Amino acid sequence: MKNIGILNLLTLIFITLKVLHVITWSWFLVLLPTIISFGLGIITLVVILIIALIVGTKE
């Protein structure tokens, strides 16, 4: 738990609150921080691949 990100921490808090019936949100909203984190990772990967392709074609 040393390198847990803020979005993962929010997900754990939201899951705990959902299971304890403190919040009545849908599971989509509870898991939204994880979905956002995954989406940002995919976007970062795509940008890196595009940059690598551009740099690779110039050589």
C-alpha atoms as a PDB file:
ATOM      1  CA  MET A   1       0.000   0.000   0.000  1.00  0.00           C
ATOM      2  CA  LYS A   2       3.078   2.163  -0.275  1.00  0.00           C
ATOM      3  CA  ASN A   3       2.524   3.349  -3.854  1.00  0.00           C
ATOM      4  CA  ILE A   4      -1.262   3.487  -4.012  1.00  0.00           C
ATOM      5  CA  GLY A   5      -2.544   6.305  -6.187  1.00  0.00           C
ATOM      6  CA  ILE A   6      -5.268   8.748  -5.260  1.00  0.00           C
ATOM      7  CA  LEU A   7      -7.715   7.232  -7.752  1.00  0.00           C
ATOM      8  CA  ASN A   8      -7.137   3.719  -6.414  1.00  0.00           C
ATOM      9  CA  LEU A   9      -7.551   4.980  -2.859  1.00  0.00           C
ATOM     10  CA  LEU A  10     -10.838   6.640  -3.828  1.00  0.00           C
ATOM     11  CA  THR A  11     -12.006   3.386  -5.390  1.00  0.00           C
ATOM     12  CA  LEU A  12     -11.256   1.449  -2.205  1.00  0.00           C
ATOM     13  CA  ILE A  13     -13.089   4.049  -0.109  1.00  0.00           C
ATOM     14  CA  PHE A  14     -16.098   4.048  -2.445  1.00  0.00           C
ATOM     15  CA  ILE A  15     -16.278   0.221  -2.502  1.00  0.00           C
ATOM     16  CA  THR A  16     -16.144   0.124   1.291  1.00  0.00           C
ATOM     17  CA  LEU A  17     -18.902   2.711   1.584  1.00  0.00           C
ATOM     18  CA  LYS A  18     -21.013   0.881  -1.029  1.00  0.00           C
ATOM     19  CA  VAL A  19     -20.643  -2.504   0.705  1.00  0.00           C
ATOM     20  CA  LEU A  20     -21.515  -0.944   4.077  1.00  0.00           C
ATOM     21  CA  HIS A  21     -24.618   0.667   2.487  1.00  0.00           C
ATOM     22  CA  VAL A  22     -23.441   4.168   3.381  1.00  0.00           C
ATOM     23  CA  ILE A  23     -23.857   5.285  -0.234  1.00  0.00           C
ATOM     24  CA  THR A  24     -26.430   4.096  -2.751  1.00  0.00           C
ATOM     25  CA  TRP A  25     -24.495   4.925  -5.891  1.00  0.00           C
ATOM     26  CA  SER A  26     -24.421   2.616  -8.879  1.00  0.00           C
ATOM     27  CA  TRP A  27     -21.400   0.355  -9.245  1.00  0.00           C
ATOM     28  CA  PHE A  28     -20.388   2.384 -12.291  1.00  0.00           C
ATOM     29  CA  LEU A  29     -19.955   5.496 -10.154  1.00  0.00           C
ATOM     30  CA  VAL A  30     -18.177   3.523  -7.437  1.00  0.00           C
ATOM     31  CA  LEU A  31     -15.676   2.148  -9.952  1.00  0.00           C
ATOM     32  CA  LEU A  32     -15.348   5.390 -11.944  1.00  0.00           C
ATOM     33  CA  PRO A  33     -11.952   6.345 -10.443  1.00  0.00           C
ATOM     34  CA  THR A  34     -10.544   3.028 -11.675  1.00  0.00           C
ATOM     35  CA  ILE A  35     -12.104   3.546 -15.095  1.00  0.00           C
ATOM     36  CA  ILE A  36     -10.577   7.040 -15.270  1.00  0.00           C
ATOM     37  CA  SER A  37      -7.172   5.684 -14.238  1.00  0.00           C
ATOM     38  CA  PHE A  38      -7.351   2.967 -16.890  1.00  0.00           C
ATOM     39  CA  GLY A  39      -8.424   5.491 -19.526  1.00  0.00           C
ATOM     40  CA  LEU A  40      -5.552   7.833 -18.693  1.00  0.00           C
ATOM     41  CA  GLY A  41      -3.130   4.932 -18.979  1.00  0.00           C
ATOM     42  CA  ILE A  42      -4.491   3.985 -22.407  1.00  0.00           C
ATOM     43  CA  ILE A  43      -4.296   7.607 -23.605  1.00  0.00           C
ATOM     44  CA  THR A  44      -0.705   7.865 -22.375  1.00  0.00           C
ATOM     45  CA  LEU A  45       0.215   4.637 -24.166  1.00  0.00           C
ATOM     46  CA  VAL A  46      -1.363   5.825 -27.427  1.00  0.00           C
ATOM     47  CA  VAL A  47       0.466   9.179 -27.254  1.00  0.00           C
ATOM     48  CA  ILE A  48       3.791   7.419 -26.624  1.00  0.00           C
ATOM     49  CA  LEU A  49       3.194   5.063 -29.562  1.00  0.00           C
ATOM     50  CA  ILE A  50       2.300   7.964 -31.868  1.00  0.00           C
ATOM     51  CA  ILE A  51       5.444   9.866 -30.841  1.00  0.00           C
ATOM     52  CA  ALA A  52       7.552   6.737 -31.384  1.00  0.00           C
ATOM     53  CA  LEU A  53       6.075   6.271 -34.849  1.00  0.00           C
ATOM     54  CA  ILE A  54       6.705   9.915 -35.776  1.00  0.00           C
ATOM     55  CA  VAL A  55      10.297   9.831 -34.510  1.00  0.00           C
ATOM     56  CA  GLY A  56      10.879   6.434 -36.135  1.00  0.00           C
ATOM     57  CA  THR A  57       9.760   7.610 -39.563  1.00  0.00           C
ATOM     58  CA  LYS A  58      12.077  10.644 -39.500  1.00  0.00           C
ATOM     59  CA  GLU A  59      15.214   8.532 -39.191  1.00  0.00           C
END
